[in-house]
C-alpha cells in the first residue's frame, strides 16, 4: 500500500498529516475476523516543495520502526511502516551544484522531471529540460 503526496506549501503539520494518511491506508486492510498477518506493509512518500528537516543536508529521508537501543529494524514480515520525505528545494540545490549524478540515480531523474515545470510561475526550467534531454 503506497500513498504519494506532493505538498507545495508548508502547513507545519507534515508529521501528523503523514501518519494520518499512513493510518488511512493501513487500518482498512483488516476486516473483522481477519488475522493481523494479512496486513500489508504501508509506505508514505511525501514530495515537499519546502524544507522539512533544516538540520539535515539530505534531500531524501526515510523512516521506519527501529528498536531504540540496538537501532535494529523489525524482521521484514513485521516491518509495516515506511515514510519518505523528499525535499525538492534541497534536491534542486544539490543538482545545481553538481553534487548529484542523475545518470546513475533513478530517483534523481524522476525528481528532475517533477522539478522541471513550475505551473504556479508558468515556467519551464530550461537547464533541467536540457539535462533530461541529454539523459534520454
N, C-alpha and C. Protein backbone atom coordinates (compact mmCIF):
# COMPACT_ATOMS: atom_id res chain seq x y z
N UNK A 1 0.86 -1.17 0.00
CA UNK A 1 0.00 0.00 0.00
C UNK A 1 0.90 1.23 0.00
N UNK A 2 0.67 2.13 -0.94
CA UNK A 2 1.54 3.31 -1.06
C UNK A 2 0.68 4.57 -1.20
N UNK A 3 1.03 5.58 -0.44
CA UNK A 3 0.42 6.90 -0.55
C UNK A 3 1.52 7.87 -0.99
N UNK A 4 1.29 8.56 -2.10
CA UNK A 4 2.24 9.57 -2.57
C UNK A 4 1.56 10.92 -2.50
N UNK A 5 2.21 11.86 -1.85
CA UNK A 5 1.63 13.19 -1.69
C UNK A 5 2.66 14.23 -2.11
N UNK A 6 2.21 15.18 -2.90
CA UNK A 6 3.06 16.31 -3.29
C UNK A 6 2.51 17.52 -2.55
N UNK A 7 3.35 18.13 -1.74
CA UNK A 7 2.94 19.25 -0.90
C UNK A 7 3.71 20.50 -1.32
N UNK A 8 3.01 21.53 -1.75
CA UNK A 8 3.67 22.74 -2.23
C UNK A 8 3.92 23.77 -1.14
N UNK A 9 3.04 23.83 -0.16
CA UNK A 9 3.22 24.84 0.89
C UNK A 9 3.33 24.18 2.25
N UNK A 10 4.15 24.74 3.09
CA UNK A 10 4.41 24.20 4.41
C UNK A 10 3.31 24.64 5.37
N UNK A 11 2.51 23.68 5.80
CA UNK A 11 1.46 23.96 6.78
C UNK A 11 1.94 23.61 8.20
N UNK A 12 3.21 23.20 8.31
CA UNK A 12 3.84 22.85 9.60
C UNK A 12 3.11 21.71 10.30
N UNK A 13 2.59 20.78 9.51
CA UNK A 13 1.90 19.63 10.10
C UNK A 13 2.24 18.32 9.37
N UNK A 14 3.38 18.29 8.69
CA UNK A 14 3.71 17.15 7.82
C UNK A 14 3.80 15.83 8.57
N UNK A 15 4.31 15.83 9.79
CA UNK A 15 4.48 14.56 10.50
C UNK A 15 3.12 13.96 10.88
N UNK A 16 2.27 14.77 11.47
CA UNK A 16 0.95 14.26 11.85
C UNK A 16 0.12 13.94 10.61
N UNK A 17 0.20 14.78 9.61
CA UNK A 17 -0.52 14.54 8.36
C UNK A 17 -0.07 13.22 7.73
N UNK A 18 1.22 13.00 7.72
CA UNK A 18 1.78 11.78 7.14
C UNK A 18 1.29 10.54 7.88
N UNK A 19 1.35 10.57 9.20
CA UNK A 19 0.88 9.41 9.98
C UNK A 19 -0.62 9.20 9.81
N UNK A 20 -1.37 10.28 9.69
CA UNK A 20 -2.81 10.17 9.48
C UNK A 20 -3.09 9.45 8.16
N UNK A 21 -2.43 9.88 7.08
CA UNK A 21 -2.65 9.24 5.78
C UNK A 21 -2.11 7.81 5.76
N UNK A 22 -1.02 7.58 6.47
CA UNK A 22 -0.50 6.22 6.58
C UNK A 22 -1.56 5.33 7.23
N UNK A 23 -2.13 5.81 8.34
CA UNK A 23 -3.14 5.03 9.06
C UNK A 23 -4.39 4.80 8.20
N UNK A 24 -4.73 5.78 7.36
CA UNK A 24 -5.89 5.64 6.47
C UNK A 24 -5.70 4.50 5.48
N UNK A 25 -4.47 4.21 5.12
CA UNK A 25 -4.19 3.08 4.22
C UNK A 25 -4.05 1.77 4.99
N UNK A 26 -3.49 1.85 6.18
CA UNK A 26 -3.17 0.64 6.94
C UNK A 26 -4.41 0.00 7.57
N UNK A 27 -5.22 0.79 8.24
CA UNK A 27 -6.33 0.25 9.03
C UNK A 27 -7.40 -0.46 8.20
N UNK A 28 -7.84 0.09 7.08
CA UNK A 28 -8.92 -0.58 6.34
C UNK A 28 -8.54 -1.92 5.71
N UNK A 29 -7.28 -2.26 5.74
CA UNK A 29 -6.86 -3.55 5.16
C UNK A 29 -7.44 -4.73 5.92
N UNK A 30 -7.76 -4.52 7.18
CA UNK A 30 -8.18 -5.62 8.04
C UNK A 30 -9.68 -5.53 8.32
N UNK A 31 -10.37 -6.58 7.99
CA UNK A 31 -11.80 -6.67 8.30
C UNK A 31 -11.99 -7.54 9.53
N UNK A 32 -13.14 -7.42 10.17
CA UNK A 32 -13.45 -8.20 11.36
C UNK A 32 -13.24 -9.69 11.11
N UNK A 33 -12.51 -10.32 12.02
CA UNK A 33 -12.26 -11.75 11.92
C UNK A 33 -10.99 -12.12 11.15
N UNK A 34 -10.37 -11.17 10.49
CA UNK A 34 -9.15 -11.46 9.73
C UNK A 34 -7.95 -11.46 10.67
N UNK A 35 -6.95 -12.22 10.33
CA UNK A 35 -5.72 -12.25 11.12
C UNK A 35 -4.81 -11.08 10.78
N UNK A 36 -4.06 -10.62 11.76
CA UNK A 36 -3.16 -9.47 11.56
C UNK A 36 -2.07 -9.76 10.54
N UNK A 37 -1.79 -11.04 10.29
CA UNK A 37 -0.78 -11.40 9.30
C UNK A 37 -1.19 -10.97 7.89
N UNK A 38 -2.44 -10.63 7.69
CA UNK A 38 -2.94 -10.18 6.37
C UNK A 38 -2.56 -8.73 6.07
N UNK A 39 -2.15 -7.96 7.09
CA UNK A 39 -1.81 -6.55 6.87
C UNK A 39 -0.57 -6.42 5.99
N UNK A 40 -0.65 -5.57 5.00
CA UNK A 40 0.45 -5.33 4.07
C UNK A 40 1.32 -4.17 4.55
N UNK A 41 2.61 -4.19 4.22
CA UNK A 41 3.44 -3.01 4.52
C UNK A 41 2.84 -1.79 3.85
N UNK A 42 2.92 -0.67 4.54
CA UNK A 42 2.32 0.56 4.03
C UNK A 42 3.38 1.65 3.98
N UNK A 43 3.48 2.29 2.83
CA UNK A 43 4.55 3.27 2.56
C UNK A 43 3.91 4.62 2.24
N UNK A 44 4.46 5.66 2.81
CA UNK A 44 4.03 7.02 2.51
C UNK A 44 5.22 7.78 1.94
N UNK A 45 5.01 8.42 0.80
CA UNK A 45 6.06 9.21 0.16
C UNK A 45 5.57 10.65 0.07
N UNK A 46 6.31 11.56 0.69
CA UNK A 46 5.96 12.98 0.70
C UNK A 46 6.99 13.74 -0.11
N UNK A 47 6.56 14.35 -1.19
CA UNK A 47 7.44 15.18 -2.01
C UNK A 47 7.08 16.63 -1.66
N UNK A 48 7.99 17.30 -0.97
CA UNK A 48 7.70 18.62 -0.41
C UNK A 48 8.49 19.71 -1.13
N UNK A 49 7.83 20.82 -1.37
CA UNK A 49 8.48 21.95 -2.01
C UNK A 49 8.98 22.94 -0.95
N UNK A 50 9.41 22.41 0.17
CA UNK A 50 9.90 23.22 1.27
C UNK A 50 10.79 22.35 2.15
N UNK A 51 11.49 22.98 3.07
CA UNK A 51 12.39 22.27 3.98
C UNK A 51 11.59 21.66 5.12
N UNK A 52 11.77 20.37 5.31
CA UNK A 52 11.14 19.67 6.42
C UNK A 52 12.14 19.49 7.56
N UNK A 53 13.38 19.20 7.21
CA UNK A 53 14.43 18.94 8.19
C UNK A 53 15.57 19.94 8.01
N UNK A 54 15.48 21.11 8.63
CA UNK A 54 16.52 22.12 8.44
C UNK A 54 17.90 21.68 8.95
N UNK A 55 17.94 20.73 9.87
CA UNK A 55 19.20 20.28 10.45
C UNK A 55 19.91 19.24 9.58
N UNK A 56 19.28 18.81 8.49
CA UNK A 56 19.85 17.76 7.64
C UNK A 56 20.13 18.29 6.24
N UNK A 57 21.25 17.86 5.67
CA UNK A 57 21.60 18.25 4.30
C UNK A 57 20.97 17.29 3.28
N UNK A 58 20.52 16.13 3.73
CA UNK A 58 19.96 15.14 2.82
C UNK A 58 18.61 15.59 2.29
N UNK A 59 18.36 15.35 1.00
CA UNK A 59 17.07 15.71 0.42
C UNK A 59 16.06 14.57 0.52
N UNK A 60 16.53 13.35 0.80
CA UNK A 60 15.65 12.19 0.91
C UNK A 60 15.87 11.53 2.27
N UNK A 61 14.85 11.58 3.10
CA UNK A 61 14.93 10.96 4.43
C UNK A 61 13.88 9.86 4.51
N UNK A 62 14.29 8.70 5.04
CA UNK A 62 13.41 7.55 5.16
C UNK A 62 13.31 7.15 6.62
N UNK A 63 12.09 6.88 7.07
CA UNK A 63 11.86 6.49 8.45
C UNK A 63 11.14 5.16 8.49
N UNK A 64 11.59 4.32 9.44
CA UNK A 64 10.99 3.01 9.67
C UNK A 64 10.96 2.79 11.18
N UNK A 65 10.44 1.65 11.60
CA UNK A 65 10.45 1.32 13.02
C UNK A 65 11.78 0.65 13.39
N UNK A 66 12.41 1.19 14.42
CA UNK A 66 13.67 0.66 14.93
C UNK A 66 13.56 0.49 16.44
N UNK A 67 14.35 -0.41 16.99
CA UNK A 67 14.48 -0.52 18.43
C UNK A 67 15.47 0.55 18.88
N UNK A 68 15.15 1.30 19.91
CA UNK A 68 15.95 2.45 20.34
C UNK A 68 17.40 2.13 20.70
N UNK A 69 17.63 1.09 21.46
CA UNK A 69 18.98 0.83 21.96
C UNK A 69 19.89 0.17 20.92
N UNK A 70 19.34 -0.80 20.19
CA UNK A 70 20.17 -1.53 19.23
C UNK A 70 20.12 -0.92 17.82
N UNK A 71 19.14 -0.08 17.57
CA UNK A 71 18.89 0.52 16.26
C UNK A 71 18.63 -0.53 15.18
N UNK A 72 18.12 -1.69 15.60
CA UNK A 72 17.78 -2.74 14.65
C UNK A 72 16.33 -2.61 14.23
N UNK A 73 16.11 -2.86 12.94
CA UNK A 73 14.76 -2.83 12.39
C UNK A 73 14.01 -4.10 12.77
N UNK A 74 12.72 -4.05 12.62
CA UNK A 74 11.90 -5.23 12.82
C UNK A 74 12.21 -6.25 11.74
N UNK A 75 11.89 -7.50 12.01
CA UNK A 75 12.06 -8.51 10.97
C UNK A 75 11.15 -8.13 9.80
N UNK A 76 11.55 -8.47 8.62
CA UNK A 76 10.90 -7.99 7.39
C UNK A 76 9.39 -8.22 7.37
N UNK A 77 8.94 -9.37 7.86
CA UNK A 77 7.50 -9.64 7.80
C UNK A 77 6.69 -8.79 8.78
N UNK A 78 7.34 -8.16 9.75
CA UNK A 78 6.65 -7.27 10.70
C UNK A 78 6.90 -5.80 10.41
N UNK A 79 7.74 -5.50 9.45
CA UNK A 79 8.11 -4.12 9.15
C UNK A 79 7.04 -3.49 8.26
N UNK A 80 6.03 -2.88 8.89
CA UNK A 80 4.85 -2.43 8.17
C UNK A 80 4.83 -0.93 7.88
N UNK A 81 5.75 -0.17 8.45
CA UNK A 81 5.70 1.28 8.31
C UNK A 81 6.97 1.79 7.64
N UNK A 82 6.79 2.59 6.59
CA UNK A 82 7.90 3.22 5.90
C UNK A 82 7.43 4.59 5.43
N UNK A 83 8.18 5.63 5.82
CA UNK A 83 7.81 7.00 5.49
C UNK A 83 8.99 7.69 4.82
N UNK A 84 8.75 8.28 3.66
CA UNK A 84 9.78 9.01 2.92
C UNK A 84 9.40 10.49 2.86
N UNK A 85 10.41 11.34 3.06
CA UNK A 85 10.26 12.77 2.83
C UNK A 85 11.30 13.17 1.80
N UNK A 86 10.86 13.78 0.72
CA UNK A 86 11.77 14.29 -0.30
C UNK A 86 11.60 15.81 -0.32
N UNK A 87 12.70 16.51 -0.09
CA UNK A 87 12.68 17.96 -0.04
C UNK A 87 13.23 18.49 -1.37
N UNK A 88 12.32 18.95 -2.22
CA UNK A 88 12.70 19.37 -3.57
C UNK A 88 13.67 20.54 -3.58
N UNK A 89 13.54 21.47 -2.65
CA UNK A 89 14.46 22.61 -2.63
C UNK A 89 15.90 22.15 -2.38
N UNK A 90 16.10 21.19 -1.49
CA UNK A 90 17.45 20.66 -1.24
C UNK A 90 17.94 19.87 -2.44
N UNK A 91 17.04 19.09 -3.03
CA UNK A 91 17.40 18.30 -4.19
C UNK A 91 17.89 19.20 -5.32
N UNK A 92 17.11 20.23 -5.67
CA UNK A 92 17.47 21.12 -6.77
C UNK A 92 18.76 21.89 -6.49
N UNK A 93 18.96 22.27 -5.25
CA UNK A 93 20.19 22.99 -4.89
C UNK A 93 21.40 22.07 -5.08
N UNK A 94 21.29 20.82 -4.66
CA UNK A 94 22.40 19.87 -4.83
C UNK A 94 22.62 19.56 -6.30
N UNK A 95 21.56 19.45 -7.07
CA UNK A 95 21.69 19.21 -8.51
C UNK A 95 22.40 20.38 -9.18
N UNK A 96 22.02 21.61 -8.83
CA UNK A 96 22.64 22.80 -9.43
C UNK A 96 24.12 22.90 -9.08
N UNK A 97 24.50 22.41 -7.90
CA UNK A 97 25.91 22.43 -7.51
C UNK A 97 26.69 21.28 -8.14
N UNK A 98 26.02 20.38 -8.82
CA UNK A 98 26.69 19.26 -9.48
C UNK A 98 27.01 18.12 -8.54
N UNK A 99 26.40 18.10 -7.38
CA UNK A 99 26.64 17.05 -6.39
C UNK A 99 25.98 15.73 -6.81
N UNK A 100 24.85 15.82 -7.49
CA UNK A 100 24.09 14.63 -7.89
C UNK A 100 24.46 14.18 -9.29
N UNK A 101 24.34 12.89 -9.53
CA UNK A 101 24.61 12.32 -10.84
C UNK A 101 23.34 11.63 -11.33
N UNK A 102 22.45 12.38 -11.99
CA UNK A 102 21.17 11.81 -12.43
C UNK A 102 21.30 10.59 -13.33
N UNK A 103 22.39 10.49 -14.08
CA UNK A 103 22.58 9.33 -14.95
C UNK A 103 22.64 8.04 -14.13
N UNK A 104 23.19 8.12 -12.92
CA UNK A 104 23.36 6.94 -12.06
C UNK A 104 22.28 6.80 -11.00
N UNK A 105 21.31 7.71 -10.96
CA UNK A 105 20.34 7.74 -9.86
C UNK A 105 18.93 7.92 -10.43
N UNK A 106 18.15 6.84 -10.40
CA UNK A 106 16.81 6.90 -10.98
C UNK A 106 15.91 7.87 -10.23
N UNK A 107 16.05 7.96 -8.90
CA UNK A 107 15.25 8.92 -8.14
C UNK A 107 15.56 10.35 -8.59
N UNK A 108 16.82 10.65 -8.80
CA UNK A 108 17.22 12.00 -9.24
C UNK A 108 16.60 12.31 -10.60
N UNK A 109 16.53 11.33 -11.49
CA UNK A 109 15.92 11.56 -12.80
C UNK A 109 14.43 11.90 -12.67
N UNK A 110 13.73 11.14 -11.84
CA UNK A 110 12.31 11.41 -11.63
C UNK A 110 12.10 12.77 -10.98
N UNK A 111 12.94 13.10 -10.02
CA UNK A 111 12.77 14.39 -9.34
C UNK A 111 13.08 15.56 -10.27
N UNK A 112 14.03 15.39 -11.17
CA UNK A 112 14.28 16.43 -12.16
C UNK A 112 13.04 16.63 -13.03
N UNK A 113 12.42 15.54 -13.40
CA UNK A 113 11.21 15.64 -14.21
C UNK A 113 10.12 16.41 -13.45
N UNK A 114 9.96 16.11 -12.17
CA UNK A 114 8.98 16.83 -11.35
C UNK A 114 9.35 18.30 -11.16
N UNK A 115 10.63 18.58 -11.06
CA UNK A 115 11.09 19.93 -10.79
C UNK A 115 11.22 20.82 -12.02
N UNK A 116 11.01 20.25 -13.19
CA UNK A 116 11.25 20.99 -14.42
C UNK A 116 10.20 22.08 -14.67
N UNK A 117 8.97 21.85 -14.24
CA UNK A 117 7.90 22.80 -14.51
C UNK A 117 7.36 23.37 -13.21
N UNK A 118 7.23 24.68 -13.19
CA UNK A 118 6.60 25.36 -12.06
C UNK A 118 5.32 26.01 -12.59
N UNK A 119 4.20 25.31 -12.44
CA UNK A 119 2.93 25.78 -13.00
C UNK A 119 2.47 27.08 -12.34
N UNK A 120 2.82 27.26 -11.08
CA UNK A 120 2.41 28.49 -10.39
C UNK A 120 3.07 29.71 -11.02
N UNK A 121 4.27 29.53 -11.52
CA UNK A 121 5.00 30.64 -12.17
C UNK A 121 4.90 30.56 -13.69
N UNK A 122 4.18 29.53 -14.18
CA UNK A 122 4.06 29.30 -15.62
C UNK A 122 5.44 29.26 -16.28
N UNK A 123 6.32 28.44 -15.71
CA UNK A 123 7.72 28.42 -16.14
C UNK A 123 8.22 26.99 -16.31
N UNK A 124 9.02 26.80 -17.36
CA UNK A 124 9.75 25.55 -17.58
C UNK A 124 11.23 25.90 -17.39
N UNK A 125 11.90 25.16 -16.54
CA UNK A 125 13.32 25.42 -16.28
C UNK A 125 14.17 24.78 -17.36
N UNK A 126 14.74 25.62 -18.22
CA UNK A 126 15.49 25.15 -19.39
C UNK A 126 16.69 24.29 -19.03
N UNK A 127 17.38 24.64 -17.96
CA UNK A 127 18.58 23.87 -17.58
C UNK A 127 18.20 22.42 -17.24
N UNK A 128 17.09 22.25 -16.53
CA UNK A 128 16.63 20.89 -16.20
C UNK A 128 16.18 20.19 -17.47
N UNK A 129 15.45 20.90 -18.31
CA UNK A 129 14.98 20.33 -19.58
C UNK A 129 16.16 19.81 -20.40
N UNK A 130 17.21 20.61 -20.50
CA UNK A 130 18.41 20.21 -21.29
C UNK A 130 19.07 18.98 -20.68
N UNK A 131 19.16 18.94 -19.34
CA UNK A 131 19.79 17.78 -18.70
C UNK A 131 18.97 16.52 -18.96
N UNK A 132 17.66 16.62 -18.84
CA UNK A 132 16.82 15.45 -19.12
C UNK A 132 16.91 15.02 -20.58
N UNK A 133 17.00 15.98 -21.47
CA UNK A 133 17.17 15.68 -22.89
C UNK A 133 18.47 14.92 -23.13
N UNK A 134 19.53 15.33 -22.44
CA UNK A 134 20.82 14.63 -22.56
C UNK A 134 20.73 13.22 -22.00
N UNK A 135 20.01 13.05 -20.91
CA UNK A 135 19.87 11.73 -20.30
C UNK A 135 19.13 10.77 -21.21
N UNK A 136 18.16 11.30 -21.96
CA UNK A 136 17.39 10.46 -22.88
C UNK A 136 18.29 9.98 -23.98
